[in-house]
Amino acid sequence: MKELKVELASRSYKIKIGQDVLQDLGQELQSVGFKGKLLIVTDENVSPLYADSCLESLEKSGFQTRVFSIPPGEESKSWMWAEQIFSAALDFNLDRDSGIVALGGGVVGDLAGFIAATYLRGVAYVQVPTTLLAQVDSSVGGKVAINHSRGKNMIGAFYQPRLVLIDLNTLDTLPFRELRSGMAEVIKYGVIRDDIFFKELYRNLVTTLEQEKEFLEYIVFKSCLIKADVVSVDEQEGGVRAILNFGHTLGHALEAATDYKYFNHGEALHYGMLLASRLACREGLLDLKSLNLIEDLLCRIGFKGLPPVLDADKIKKGLTYDKKRKEGKMIFILPERIGRVGIYDSISQEKVDKLLLDFFKEFY
């Protein structure tokens, strides 16, 4: 099992990555101080696959457990489902010595983390991510949230898990769509922080995404390492952590424009990185050769087709509710070269409108 640490003083925690590690979940939670009752939050796709093995491990270690499953999909990150999980926690008599296990993808992790951050003003939780996207991104860093109809992740907190336990074997059951979604996030790390990592991805990623387990372990570990390094110096996005939002400004707007029903997060981010890279090139920040390399890698893993109708005005409206805005200005994370990005707040609405207009001409 590979390990790395998110260094946050008293809130530091380990990320453990390996194969067949779900069977060790009980022992791992004991080692970081969990005791008493555990509420496992999962979804209806993941529960039949992995809930039983987690329950067996936890109960073998003496934990009292209960499982709460939500419907899969972004729509479950809502007040309605949060309230139902709060009620389940109260029915189970979870107290401040109890804990929450987030077993699933990014939606489960964000929602369960939000519950942990707010139930009894905070109880311990652990992330057990089962999708590539969650393993390389949402399970690490302590961002927890639910959505609002006007924007994604508008209601949330920074609340760190006690542990992140990643079982690479969960990727074996992942549909291609979810693999592609996660790989978009992996590519992000190469663009924003590590040109050598980008080159490794460029050399080795295949269109089917049927990668050797050893390479998958490498990219998950490397992605987590990059994110952990960034989070360790800027836990609450006061500065450098903002670079992790490369592609998110326009990506979140695409999600909002389709009411969170058409794109999953990685698919929207995929388009968002493409648009942000093109915007950087138009602004003279990124050279054309680098843009072509980024586009080539993004295209290699394949984009989800756009919906029959995509309203540009809805995308613009989504940008107005972007939580990264400051003093009314849109914030864009734009690549300056492969391996380095900058934070820009001076991109005019007219330039964004032109970018979207050209995008629609190309893809419709």
Protein backbone atom coordinates (compact mmCIF):
# COMPACT_ATOMS: atom_id res chain seq x y z
CA MET A 1 0.00 0.00 0.00
CA LYS A 2 1.30 3.46 -0.93
CA GLU A 3 0.87 6.33 1.51
CA LEU A 4 1.17 10.09 1.44
CA LYS A 5 0.16 12.79 3.88
CA VAL A 6 -1.84 15.98 3.65
CA GLU A 7 0.09 18.24 6.03
CA LEU A 8 -2.35 20.46 7.93
CA ALA A 9 -0.95 20.56 11.47
CA SER A 10 -3.56 19.06 13.82
CA ARG A 11 -5.84 18.28 10.86
CA SER A 12 -3.22 16.30 8.92
CA TYR A 13 -4.28 12.94 7.53
CA LYS A 14 -3.00 10.12 5.37
CA ILE A 15 -4.06 9.01 1.92
CA LYS A 16 -3.60 5.26 1.51
CA ILE A 17 -3.69 3.70 -1.96
CA GLY A 18 -3.66 0.00 -2.73
CA GLN A 19 -5.56 -3.06 -3.95
CA ASP A 20 -8.04 -5.11 -1.91
CA VAL A 21 -7.83 -2.59 0.94
CA LEU A 22 -11.57 -2.39 1.64
CA GLN A 23 -11.16 -5.55 3.70
CA ASP A 24 -8.87 -3.56 6.00
CA LEU A 25 -11.29 -0.66 6.50
CA GLY A 26 -12.14 -1.56 10.11
CA GLN A 27 -8.52 -1.80 11.19
CA GLU A 28 -7.63 1.40 9.36
CA LEU A 29 -10.41 3.34 11.11
CA GLN A 30 -9.36 1.99 14.49
CA SER A 31 -5.81 3.15 13.80
CA VAL A 32 -6.95 6.76 13.34
CA GLY A 33 -9.20 6.86 16.40
CA PHE A 34 -12.68 5.93 15.20
CA LYS A 35 -14.91 4.14 17.69
CA GLY A 36 -18.56 3.44 18.39
CA LYS A 37 -21.14 3.84 15.66
CA LEU A 38 -20.52 4.46 11.96
CA LEU A 39 -23.06 5.64 9.40
CA ILE A 40 -22.03 4.57 5.90
CA VAL A 41 -23.31 6.95 3.24
CA THR A 42 -23.24 5.46 -0.25
CA ASP A 43 -25.36 5.36 -3.40
CA GLU A 44 -27.57 2.78 -5.04
CA ASN A 45 -24.93 1.85 -7.62
CA VAL A 46 -22.05 1.40 -5.20
CA SER A 47 -23.92 -0.23 -2.32
CA PRO A 48 -24.50 -3.63 -4.01
CA LEU A 49 -20.83 -3.78 -5.04
CA TYR A 50 -18.93 -2.76 -1.92
CA ALA A 51 -21.18 -2.12 1.08
CA ASP A 52 -21.13 -5.73 2.30
CA SER A 53 -17.34 -6.04 2.28
CA CYS A 54 -17.05 -2.74 4.17
CA LEU A 55 -19.69 -3.80 6.69
CA GLU A 56 -17.95 -7.12 7.26
CA SER A 57 -14.62 -5.41 7.94
CA LEU A 58 -16.14 -2.76 10.21
CA GLU A 59 -18.24 -5.17 12.25
CA LYS A 60 -15.26 -7.52 12.61
CA SER A 61 -13.45 -4.58 14.22
CA GLY A 62 -16.30 -4.00 16.66
CA PHE A 63 -18.11 -1.06 15.04
CA GLN A 64 -21.89 -0.71 15.04
CA THR A 65 -22.89 0.20 11.50
CA ARG A 66 -25.80 1.35 9.43
CA VAL A 67 -25.99 2.06 5.68
CA PHE A 68 -27.83 4.94 4.02
CA SER A 69 -28.03 4.89 0.20
CA ILE A 70 -28.90 7.83 -2.02
CA PRO A 71 -29.80 7.84 -5.71
CA PRO A 72 -26.70 8.26 -7.89
CA GLY A 73 -26.15 11.62 -9.58
CA GLU A 74 -25.54 15.27 -8.87
CA GLU A 75 -29.18 15.93 -7.99
CA SER A 76 -28.68 14.05 -4.72
CA LYS A 77 -26.37 16.78 -3.41
CA SER A 78 -29.41 18.63 -2.13
CA TRP A 79 -31.07 19.90 1.03
CA MET A 80 -33.68 17.17 0.67
CA TRP A 81 -31.18 14.31 0.83
CA ALA A 82 -29.06 16.07 3.45
CA GLU A 83 -32.12 16.30 5.70
CA GLN A 84 -32.87 12.61 5.22
CA ILE A 85 -29.30 11.67 6.18
CA PHE A 86 -29.48 13.95 9.24
CA SER A 87 -32.65 12.12 10.23
CA ALA A 88 -30.97 8.75 9.72
CA ALA A 89 -28.06 9.86 11.91
CA LEU A 90 -30.46 10.96 14.64
CA ASP A 91 -32.44 7.71 14.38
CA PHE A 92 -29.18 5.79 14.77
CA ASN A 93 -28.29 7.95 17.80
CA LEU A 94 -24.96 9.03 16.34
CA ASP A 95 -23.09 11.10 18.91
CA ARG A 96 -19.87 13.12 18.78
CA ASP A 97 -17.78 9.96 19.23
CA SER A 98 -19.44 8.43 16.19
CA GLY A 99 -18.36 8.81 12.60
CA ILE A 100 -19.40 8.82 8.96
CA VAL A 101 -17.97 6.77 6.11
CA ALA A 102 -18.32 8.23 2.59
CA LEU A 103 -18.34 5.19 0.28
CA GLY A 104 -18.73 6.20 -3.35
CA GLY A 105 -17.94 8.87 -5.87
CA GLY A 106 -17.70 12.62 -5.61
CA VAL A 107 -21.39 13.21 -4.96
CA VAL A 108 -21.37 10.82 -2.02
CA GLY A 109 -18.11 12.24 -0.68
CA ASP A 110 -19.25 15.86 -0.90
CA LEU A 111 -22.65 15.14 0.64
CA ALA A 112 -21.40 12.83 3.41
CA GLY A 113 -18.61 15.29 4.21
CA PHE A 114 -21.17 18.10 4.46
CA ILE A 115 -23.21 16.00 6.89
CA ALA A 116 -20.09 15.26 8.95
CA ALA A 117 -19.12 18.95 9.05
CA THR A 118 -22.52 20.08 10.30
CA TYR A 119 -24.06 17.23 12.31
CA LEU A 120 -23.58 18.06 16.01
CA ARG A 121 -21.26 20.83 14.76
CA GLY A 122 -18.89 18.25 13.37
CA VAL A 123 -18.13 14.53 13.64
CA ALA A 124 -15.21 12.57 12.20
CA TYR A 125 -15.47 11.07 8.74
CA VAL A 126 -13.44 9.03 6.30
CA GLN A 127 -13.42 9.12 2.52
CA VAL A 128 -13.51 5.77 0.70
CA PRO A 129 -13.71 6.91 -2.94
CA THR A 130 -14.77 4.35 -5.53
CA THR A 131 -14.50 6.41 -8.76
CA LEU A 132 -11.36 7.69 -10.43
CA LEU A 133 -12.63 11.26 -10.20
CA ALA A 134 -13.22 10.99 -6.47
CA GLN A 135 -9.92 9.21 -5.88
CA VAL A 136 -7.83 11.90 -7.55
CA ASP A 137 -9.84 14.96 -6.58
CA SER A 138 -12.94 15.30 -4.44
CA SER A 139 -11.89 12.92 -1.65
CA VAL A 140 -8.75 14.99 -0.97
CA GLY A 141 -8.68 18.51 0.42
CA GLY A 142 -11.74 18.80 2.62
CA LYS A 143 -14.14 20.65 0.35
CA VAL A 144 -17.65 19.46 1.24
CA ALA A 145 -20.90 20.87 -0.06
CA ILE A 146 -24.37 20.56 -1.46
CA ASN A 147 -25.74 22.31 -4.51
CA HIS A 148 -28.23 25.14 -4.91
CA SER A 149 -30.44 25.57 -7.95
CA ARG A 150 -28.42 28.67 -8.82
CA GLY A 151 -25.00 27.08 -8.61
CA LYS A 152 -22.91 24.06 -7.75
CA ASN A 153 -21.40 23.61 -4.28
CA MET A 154 -22.81 26.94 -3.12
CA ILE A 155 -23.48 25.70 0.43
CA GLY A 156 -20.58 23.97 2.15
CA ALA A 157 -17.47 24.08 4.24
CA PHE A 158 -13.80 23.14 4.45
CA TYR A 159 -13.79 20.04 6.63
CA GLN A 160 -10.96 17.54 6.47
CA PRO A 161 -11.45 13.77 6.65
CA ARG A 162 -9.59 11.66 9.20
CA LEU A 163 -8.37 9.33 6.41
CA VAL A 164 -8.68 8.71 2.68
CA LEU A 165 -8.61 5.01 1.79
CA ILE A 166 -8.37 4.25 -1.94
CA ASP A 167 -8.93 0.74 -3.26
CA LEU A 168 -7.84 0.67 -6.91
CA ASN A 169 -9.86 -2.49 -7.52
CA THR A 170 -13.05 -0.42 -7.38
CA LEU A 171 -12.01 0.97 -10.77
CA ASP A 172 -12.56 -2.48 -12.28
CA THR A 173 -16.33 -2.00 -12.08
CA LEU A 174 -16.30 1.59 -13.30
CA PRO A 175 -18.14 2.35 -16.57
CA PHE A 176 -16.10 3.99 -19.34
CA ARG A 177 -17.99 7.23 -18.84
CA GLU A 178 -16.78 7.46 -15.24
CA LEU A 179 -13.21 6.51 -16.17
CA ARG A 180 -13.13 9.24 -18.80
CA SER A 181 -14.59 11.72 -16.34
CA GLY A 182 -11.84 10.96 -13.83
CA MET A 183 -9.10 11.03 -16.43
CA ALA A 184 -10.07 14.59 -17.34
CA GLU A 185 -9.28 15.57 -13.76
CA VAL A 186 -5.97 13.68 -13.96
CA ILE A 187 -4.99 15.66 -17.07
CA LYS A 188 -5.77 18.83 -15.14
CA TYR A 189 -2.96 18.12 -12.68
CA GLY A 190 -0.41 17.85 -15.45
CA VAL A 191 -1.49 21.14 -16.99
CA ILE A 192 -1.54 23.14 -13.77
CA ARG A 193 1.47 21.79 -11.91
CA ASP A 194 3.67 19.15 -13.55
CA ASP A 195 4.80 19.11 -17.17
CA ILE A 196 6.64 15.79 -16.69
CA PHE A 197 3.42 14.19 -15.46
CA PHE A 198 1.64 15.64 -18.49
CA LYS A 199 4.24 14.07 -20.79
CA GLU A 200 3.78 10.69 -19.09
CA LEU A 201 0.05 10.94 -19.67
CA TYR A 202 0.59 12.02 -23.26
CA ARG A 203 2.82 9.00 -23.90
CA ASN A 204 0.74 6.39 -22.11
CA LEU A 205 -2.97 7.21 -22.13
CA VAL A 206 -4.91 5.07 -24.58
CA THR A 207 -8.31 5.91 -25.99
CA THR A 208 -9.98 2.89 -24.38
CA LEU A 209 -8.55 3.93 -20.97
CA GLU A 210 -7.77 0.26 -20.35
CA GLN A 211 -4.55 1.06 -18.54
CA GLU A 212 -2.31 -1.33 -16.63
CA LYS A 213 -3.06 -1.36 -12.88
CA GLU A 214 0.51 -0.23 -12.18
CA PHE A 215 -0.01 2.87 -14.34
CA LEU A 216 -3.37 3.57 -12.70
CA GLU A 217 -1.69 3.39 -9.30
CA TYR A 218 0.93 5.85 -10.54
CA ILE A 219 -1.56 8.40 -11.82
CA VAL A 220 -3.77 8.18 -8.72
CA PHE A 221 -0.77 8.57 -6.42
CA LYS A 222 0.71 11.42 -8.48
CA SER A 223 -2.60 13.27 -8.70
CA CYS A 224 -3.17 12.96 -4.95
CA LEU A 225 0.40 14.10 -4.30
CA ILE A 226 -0.04 17.23 -6.39
CA LYS A 227 -3.35 18.08 -4.75
CA ALA A 228 -2.00 17.34 -1.26
CA ASP A 229 0.96 19.66 -1.86
CA VAL A 230 -1.35 22.49 -2.94
CA VAL A 231 -3.86 21.97 -0.11
CA SER A 232 -1.09 21.80 2.49
CA VAL A 233 -0.02 25.38 1.74
CA ASP A 234 -3.52 26.78 1.17
CA GLU A 235 -6.27 24.83 2.90
CA GLN A 236 -9.11 27.29 2.36
CA GLU A 237 -8.37 28.65 -1.11
CA GLY A 238 -6.95 31.98 -0.09
CA GLY A 239 -4.29 31.82 -2.78
CA VAL A 240 -2.54 29.03 -4.65
CA ARG A 241 -5.31 26.46 -4.12
CA ALA A 242 -7.37 28.37 -6.66
CA ILE A 243 -5.24 26.81 -9.42
CA LEU A 244 -7.10 23.56 -8.79
CA ASN A 245 -10.12 25.28 -10.36
CA PHE A 246 -8.62 25.16 -13.86
CA GLY A 247 -11.56 24.45 -16.17
CA HIS A 248 -14.11 24.75 -13.37
CA THR A 249 -15.44 28.25 -14.09
CA LEU A 250 -16.88 27.30 -17.46
CA GLY A 251 -17.34 23.66 -16.48
CA HIS A 252 -19.61 24.48 -13.56
CA ALA A 253 -21.54 26.88 -15.80
CA LEU A 254 -22.14 24.04 -18.28
CA GLU A 255 -23.39 21.82 -15.47
CA ALA A 256 -25.74 24.54 -14.22
CA ALA A 257 -26.98 25.31 -17.74
CA THR A 258 -28.12 21.69 -18.07
CA ASP A 259 -29.63 21.59 -14.55
CA TYR A 260 -26.98 19.07 -13.41
CA LYS A 261 -28.83 16.36 -15.35
CA TYR A 262 -26.76 15.96 -18.53
CA PHE A 263 -23.06 16.26 -17.66
CA ASN A 264 -21.32 14.71 -14.73
CA HIS A 265 -18.60 16.84 -13.17
CA GLY A 266 -15.67 15.40 -15.11
CA GLU A 267 -17.47 15.72 -18.45
CA ALA A 268 -18.22 19.38 -17.83
CA LEU A 269 -14.67 20.00 -16.57
CA HIS A 270 -13.39 18.36 -19.76
CA TYR A 271 -15.06 21.04 -21.86
CA GLY A 272 -14.14 23.73 -19.32
CA MET A 273 -10.41 22.95 -19.64
CA LEU A 274 -10.66 23.02 -23.42
CA LEU A 275 -12.33 26.44 -23.34
CA ALA A 276 -9.95 27.83 -20.69
CA SER A 277 -6.92 26.71 -22.73
CA ARG A 278 -8.31 28.33 -25.86
CA LEU A 279 -9.02 31.50 -23.92
CA ALA A 280 -5.43 31.51 -22.65
CA CYS A 281 -4.12 31.20 -26.20
CA ARG A 282 -6.37 34.04 -27.40
CA GLU A 283 -5.06 36.20 -24.56
CA GLY A 284 -1.47 35.53 -25.61
CA LEU A 285 -0.70 33.60 -22.42
CA LEU A 286 -0.29 30.14 -23.95
CA ASP A 287 1.56 29.32 -27.16
CA LEU A 288 -0.25 27.49 -29.96
CA LYS A 289 1.97 24.39 -29.75
CA SER A 290 1.10 23.89 -26.07
CA LEU A 291 -2.58 24.47 -26.80
CA ASN A 292 -2.46 21.79 -29.47
CA LEU A 293 -0.85 19.32 -27.06
CA ILE A 294 -3.50 20.01 -24.40
CA GLU A 295 -6.32 19.72 -26.94
CA ASP A 296 -4.86 16.52 -28.37
CA LEU A 297 -4.74 14.83 -24.97
CA LEU A 298 -8.24 16.03 -24.05
CA CYS A 299 -9.60 14.80 -27.39
CA ARG A 300 -7.84 11.44 -27.04
CA ILE A 301 -10.04 10.45 -24.11
CA GLY A 302 -13.13 11.66 -25.96
CA PHE A 303 -15.73 14.30 -25.13
CA LYS A 304 -19.31 13.52 -24.28
CA GLY A 305 -21.50 14.89 -27.05
CA LEU A 306 -23.31 18.12 -26.28
CA PRO A 307 -27.06 18.06 -25.61
CA PRO A 308 -29.37 18.82 -28.56
CA VAL A 309 -29.91 22.33 -27.22
CA LEU A 310 -27.49 24.28 -25.05
CA ASP A 311 -28.51 27.82 -24.17
CA ALA A 312 -25.60 30.29 -24.17
CA ASP A 313 -27.59 32.63 -21.93
CA LYS A 314 -27.90 29.88 -19.32
CA ILE A 315 -24.14 29.40 -19.39
CA LYS A 316 -23.61 33.12 -18.87
CA LYS A 317 -26.12 33.08 -16.02
CA GLY A 318 -24.17 30.22 -14.45
CA LEU A 319 -21.04 32.36 -14.62
CA THR A 320 -22.77 35.13 -12.67
CA TYR A 321 -23.35 32.72 -9.77
CA ASP A 322 -19.82 31.32 -9.81
CA LYS A 323 -18.63 31.27 -6.20
CA LYS A 324 -15.10 32.20 -7.26
CA ARG A 325 -16.21 35.65 -8.43
CA LYS A 326 -14.66 38.57 -6.58
CA GLU A 327 -16.07 42.07 -6.59
CA GLY A 328 -18.29 41.07 -9.50
CA LYS A 329 -15.37 39.87 -11.64
CA MET A 330 -15.12 36.45 -13.21
CA ILE A 331 -12.06 34.48 -12.12
CA PHE A 332 -10.36 32.26 -14.67
CA ILE A 333 -7.46 29.87 -14.12
CA LEU A 334 -5.55 29.98 -17.40
CA PRO A 335 -2.49 27.97 -18.50
CA GLU A 336 0.63 29.98 -19.24
CA ARG A 337 2.55 26.87 -20.22
CA ILE A 338 2.07 23.17 -19.56
CA GLY A 339 2.80 22.80 -15.87
CA ARG A 340 1.93 26.35 -14.84
CA VAL A 341 -1.27 28.39 -14.66
CA GLY A 342 -2.16 31.88 -13.51
CA ILE A 343 -5.22 33.46 -11.90
CA TYR A 344 -6.90 36.14 -14.03
CA ASP A 345 -9.79 38.45 -13.20
CA SER A 346 -9.62 40.88 -16.12
CA ILE A 347 -11.21 38.80 -18.89
CA SER A 348 -14.08 40.82 -20.33
CA GLN A 349 -17.58 39.47 -20.83
CA GLU A 350 -17.21 40.24 -24.54
CA LYS A 351 -14.24 37.89 -24.83
CA VAL A 352 -16.10 35.15 -23.02
CA ASP A 353 -19.12 35.67 -25.29
CA LYS A 354 -16.89 35.35 -28.38
CA LEU A 355 -15.28 32.21 -26.96
CA LEU A 356 -18.70 30.62 -26.43
CA LEU A 357 -19.97 31.73 -29.85
CA ASP A 358 -17.02 30.08 -31.60
CA PHE A 359 -17.46 26.99 -29.43
CA PHE A 360 -21.09 26.62 -30.48
CA LYS A 361 -20.15 27.08 -34.15
CA GLU A 362 -17.61 24.27 -33.88
CA PHE A 363 -19.58 21.75 -31.85
CA TYR A 364 -23.08 22.28 -33.30
